[in-house]
Amino acid sequence: MRSTSASRFAAAALAAAALLTVAGCGGGDTQPGSAPPAKSSSLRGLVPQPLPRVPHFTLTDTAGRPFSFAARTRGRLAYLYFGYTHCRDACPATMDEILYALRRQPPAVGRRVEVVFVTVDPHHDTKRRLRTWLDHFSRSFVGLTGTEAQIEHAERAAGIPYVRGVYTQHSSLVLPFSPDGRAHVVYAQGFRPADYAHDLPLLLDY
């Protein structure tokens, strides 16, 4: 992963642009004119202002069961990411980065964390394909799918832009919702695995 100040600036610009693009689309507290993300003094992620609230949506997991994101992740640290399984760079890199952070925590900490991957390409990503892909990272990672309309609703609820029928233009933002139901930071491409690992236990304390 890149670690230069230039790459950090690019990551900040990307996150700010993405959040401002979806302002007012149902992403919790996000409103038109929201300030762009800033660096926290302790957390390494980008701090959105105001802090997004946990989105309320229900999709289908890889076992065919309904998964209510807000209800199933209540009281936990939940990393939410939208992507697709045949993505060659951002999606697998992001899952690897989160897995790296988890592997550097005590088992008791890891049991309080949920990683939720929502496919933006439901026609290609069958439940079986999605489960097989996620198992390359961790069997504990949750994979969700649904109709295009359901996934569009989920993205809008999370404040993420959705481009119907153009899944390759998905957002690269990672939203980690702390036990208090807010995303105190967001991550974009350019952050290192060590940044995720540093922030993880801190995010559990909210």
Protein backbone atom coordinates (compact mmCIF):
# COMPACT_ATOMS: atom_id res chain seq x y z
CA MET A 1 0.00 0.00 0.00
CA ARG A 2 1.17 3.57 -0.66
CA SER A 3 2.20 5.53 2.41
CA THR A 4 3.46 8.87 1.06
CA SER A 5 1.88 12.17 2.05
CA ALA A 6 0.69 12.52 -1.55
CA SER A 7 -1.21 9.25 -1.41
CA ARG A 8 -2.76 10.25 1.92
CA PHE A 9 -3.90 13.52 0.35
CA ALA A 10 -5.43 11.57 -2.53
CA ALA A 11 -7.22 9.26 -0.10
CA ALA A 12 -8.58 12.22 1.82
CA ALA A 13 -9.75 13.89 -1.38
CA LEU A 14 -11.46 10.69 -2.53
CA ALA A 15 -13.26 10.21 0.75
CA ALA A 16 -14.35 13.82 0.90
CA ALA A 17 -15.63 13.74 -2.67
CA ALA A 18 -17.54 10.51 -2.09
CA LEU A 19 -19.21 11.75 1.07
CA LEU A 20 -20.15 15.07 -0.47
CA THR A 21 -21.55 13.34 -3.56
CA VAL A 22 -24.03 11.36 -1.48
CA ALA A 23 -24.91 14.07 1.00
CA GLY A 24 -28.61 14.04 1.76
CA CYS A 25 -29.18 10.56 0.26
CA GLY A 26 -30.21 8.92 3.51
CA GLY A 27 -26.78 8.30 5.05
CA GLY A 28 -27.70 8.87 8.68
CA ASP A 29 -26.55 12.31 9.81
CA THR A 30 -24.93 13.26 6.50
CA GLN A 31 -26.53 16.45 5.14
CA PRO A 32 -25.87 18.71 2.14
CA GLY A 33 -22.93 21.00 2.83
CA SER A 34 -21.32 18.62 5.35
CA ALA A 35 -17.68 19.36 6.08
CA PRO A 36 -15.18 17.03 4.38
CA PRO A 37 -13.45 14.35 6.46
CA ALA A 38 -10.50 15.35 8.64
CA LYS A 39 -7.76 13.43 10.39
CA SER A 40 -8.40 12.55 14.05
CA SER A 41 -5.69 13.21 16.60
CA SER A 42 -5.79 9.58 17.74
CA LEU A 43 -7.54 7.60 15.01
CA ARG A 44 -5.77 7.21 11.69
CA GLY A 45 -8.88 7.05 9.55
CA LEU A 46 -10.65 10.08 8.07
CA VAL A 47 -13.24 11.66 10.34
CA PRO A 48 -16.50 12.59 8.54
CA GLN A 49 -18.51 15.52 9.84
CA PRO A 50 -21.14 14.88 11.00
CA LEU A 51 -20.60 11.24 11.92
CA PRO A 52 -22.77 8.82 9.88
CA ARG A 53 -25.22 6.68 11.84
CA VAL A 54 -25.60 2.96 11.31
CA PRO A 55 -27.83 2.36 8.25
CA HIS A 56 -31.04 0.34 8.45
CA PHE A 57 -31.43 -2.17 5.64
CA THR A 58 -32.08 -5.89 5.24
CA LEU A 59 -30.46 -8.10 2.58
CA THR A 60 -29.92 -11.83 2.15
CA ASP A 61 -26.82 -13.61 3.43
CA THR A 62 -24.98 -16.43 1.65
CA ALA A 63 -27.07 -19.03 3.48
CA GLY A 64 -30.27 -17.50 2.11
CA ARG A 65 -31.33 -15.92 5.40
CA PRO A 66 -32.43 -12.30 5.91
CA PHE A 67 -29.74 -10.14 7.51
CA SER A 68 -30.81 -6.88 9.16
CA PHE A 69 -27.60 -4.86 9.29
CA ALA A 70 -28.51 -2.57 12.19
CA ALA A 71 -30.03 -5.35 14.31
CA ARG A 72 -27.36 -8.00 13.65
CA THR A 73 -24.43 -5.67 14.33
CA ARG A 74 -25.84 -3.90 17.39
CA GLY A 75 -23.23 -3.55 20.13
CA ARG A 76 -20.41 -4.62 17.82
CA LEU A 77 -17.83 -2.97 15.58
CA ALA A 78 -19.12 -3.56 12.06
CA TYR A 79 -17.06 -2.89 8.93
CA LEU A 80 -19.37 -2.27 5.96
CA TYR A 81 -18.06 -2.43 2.40
CA PHE A 82 -19.78 -2.53 -1.01
CA GLY A 83 -17.94 -4.31 -3.84
CA TYR A 84 -17.95 -7.34 -6.13
CA THR A 85 -16.07 -10.62 -6.25
CA HIS A 86 -14.37 -10.25 -9.63
CA CYS A 87 -12.86 -6.90 -8.68
CA ARG A 88 -9.10 -7.22 -9.16
CA ASP A 89 -7.75 -4.58 -6.81
CA ALA A 90 -9.74 -2.51 -4.30
CA CYS A 91 -12.13 -5.23 -3.07
CA PRO A 92 -9.62 -8.02 -2.29
CA ALA A 93 -7.10 -5.48 -0.96
CA THR A 94 -9.69 -4.06 1.43
CA MET A 95 -10.67 -7.48 2.75
CA ASP A 96 -6.99 -8.29 3.28
CA GLU A 97 -6.46 -5.06 5.18
CA ILE A 98 -9.36 -5.70 7.54
CA LEU A 99 -8.24 -9.30 8.02
CA TYR A 100 -4.72 -8.09 8.86
CA ALA A 101 -6.18 -5.84 11.56
CA LEU A 102 -8.30 -8.64 13.01
CA ARG A 103 -5.41 -11.08 13.19
CA ARG A 104 -3.48 -8.65 15.36
CA GLN A 105 -6.16 -8.53 18.04
CA PRO A 106 -6.79 -10.96 20.91
CA PRO A 107 -9.52 -13.53 20.11
CA ALA A 108 -11.89 -11.84 22.57
CA VAL A 109 -11.62 -8.61 20.58
CA GLY A 110 -12.15 -10.33 17.24
CA ARG A 111 -15.39 -11.86 18.47
CA ARG A 112 -16.80 -8.35 18.88
CA VAL A 113 -16.18 -7.44 15.24
CA GLU A 114 -18.37 -8.08 12.19
CA VAL A 115 -17.19 -7.67 8.60
CA VAL A 116 -20.04 -7.25 6.12
CA PHE A 117 -19.44 -7.29 2.36
CA VAL A 118 -22.39 -6.31 0.14
CA THR A 119 -22.13 -7.22 -3.53
CA VAL A 120 -23.01 -4.51 -6.05
CA ASP A 121 -23.18 -7.11 -8.84
CA PRO A 122 -25.97 -9.48 -7.73
CA HIS A 123 -26.38 -11.03 -11.18
CA HIS A 124 -22.81 -12.36 -11.22
CA ASP A 125 -22.26 -12.81 -7.49
CA THR A 126 -24.50 -15.72 -6.58
CA LYS A 127 -24.70 -16.64 -2.91
CA ARG A 128 -22.36 -19.58 -3.53
CA ARG A 129 -19.83 -17.50 -5.44
CA LEU A 130 -19.92 -14.79 -2.80
CA ARG A 131 -19.38 -17.32 0.02
CA THR A 132 -16.48 -19.00 -1.79
CA TRP A 133 -14.80 -15.66 -2.44
CA LEU A 134 -15.15 -14.46 1.15
CA ASP A 135 -13.86 -17.77 2.51
CA HIS A 136 -10.50 -16.96 0.92
CA PHE A 137 -10.25 -14.24 3.58
CA SER A 138 -12.31 -15.49 6.52
CA ARG A 139 -15.28 -17.79 7.03
CA SER A 140 -16.57 -15.29 9.55
CA PHE A 141 -17.01 -12.52 6.97
CA VAL A 142 -20.66 -11.93 6.11
CA GLY A 143 -21.67 -11.73 2.45
CA LEU A 144 -24.94 -10.06 1.47
CA THR A 145 -26.89 -9.85 -1.76
CA GLY A 146 -30.35 -8.92 -2.98
CA THR A 147 -32.13 -7.35 -5.91
CA GLU A 148 -30.68 -4.26 -7.54
CA ALA A 149 -33.37 -2.17 -5.88
CA GLN A 150 -32.58 -3.64 -2.45
CA ILE A 151 -28.84 -3.04 -2.86
CA GLU A 152 -29.48 0.50 -4.09
CA HIS A 153 -31.54 1.11 -0.94
CA ALA A 154 -28.74 -0.29 1.24
CA GLU A 155 -26.12 1.95 -0.37
CA ARG A 156 -28.28 5.04 -0.09
CA ALA A 157 -29.02 4.20 3.56
CA ALA A 158 -25.26 4.04 4.17
CA GLY A 159 -24.64 7.29 2.25
CA ILE A 160 -22.79 5.52 -0.56
CA PRO A 161 -23.36 6.41 -4.25
CA TYR A 162 -24.99 3.72 -6.36
CA VAL A 163 -24.66 3.59 -10.14
CA ARG A 164 -27.36 1.28 -11.48
CA GLY A 165 -25.99 -1.32 -13.88
CA VAL A 166 -22.38 -0.03 -13.64
CA TYR A 167 -21.02 -2.09 -10.77
CA THR A 168 -17.38 -1.29 -11.59
CA GLN A 169 -17.98 2.28 -10.39
CA HIS A 170 -18.66 1.25 -6.81
CA SER A 171 -17.35 3.30 -3.89
CA SER A 172 -14.09 2.21 -2.25
CA LEU A 173 -15.04 3.60 1.16
CA VAL A 174 -15.00 1.36 4.24
CA LEU A 175 -17.48 2.37 6.94
CA PRO A 176 -16.67 0.96 10.41
CA PHE A 177 -19.67 1.44 12.70
CA SER A 178 -18.72 1.39 16.37
CA PRO A 179 -20.92 -0.12 19.14
CA ASP A 180 -22.49 3.32 19.64
CA GLY A 181 -23.92 3.10 16.12
CA ARG A 182 -21.74 5.74 14.48
CA ALA A 183 -18.86 5.68 12.00
CA HIS A 184 -16.16 7.70 13.75
CA VAL A 185 -13.81 7.29 10.78
CA VAL A 186 -13.96 6.13 7.18
CA TYR A 187 -11.20 4.61 5.06
CA ALA A 188 -10.41 4.97 1.38
CA GLN A 189 -7.70 3.47 -0.82
CA GLY A 190 -4.27 4.57 0.33
CA PHE A 191 -4.55 3.54 3.95
CA ARG A 192 -2.23 0.82 5.20
CA PRO A 193 -3.19 -2.40 7.00
CA ALA A 194 -1.39 -1.00 10.06
CA ASP A 195 -3.84 1.94 10.09
CA TYR A 196 -6.78 -0.45 10.33
CA ALA A 197 -5.01 -2.43 13.07
CA HIS A 198 -4.22 0.71 15.05
CA ASP A 199 -7.80 2.01 14.94
CA LEU A 200 -9.69 -1.23 15.52
CA PRO A 201 -9.45 -1.45 19.35
CA LEU A 202 -10.04 2.31 19.63
CA LEU A 203 -13.23 2.08 17.57
CA LEU A 204 -14.52 -0.67 19.85
CA ASP A 205 -14.41 1.75 22.79
CA TYR A 206 -17.07 4.06 21.36
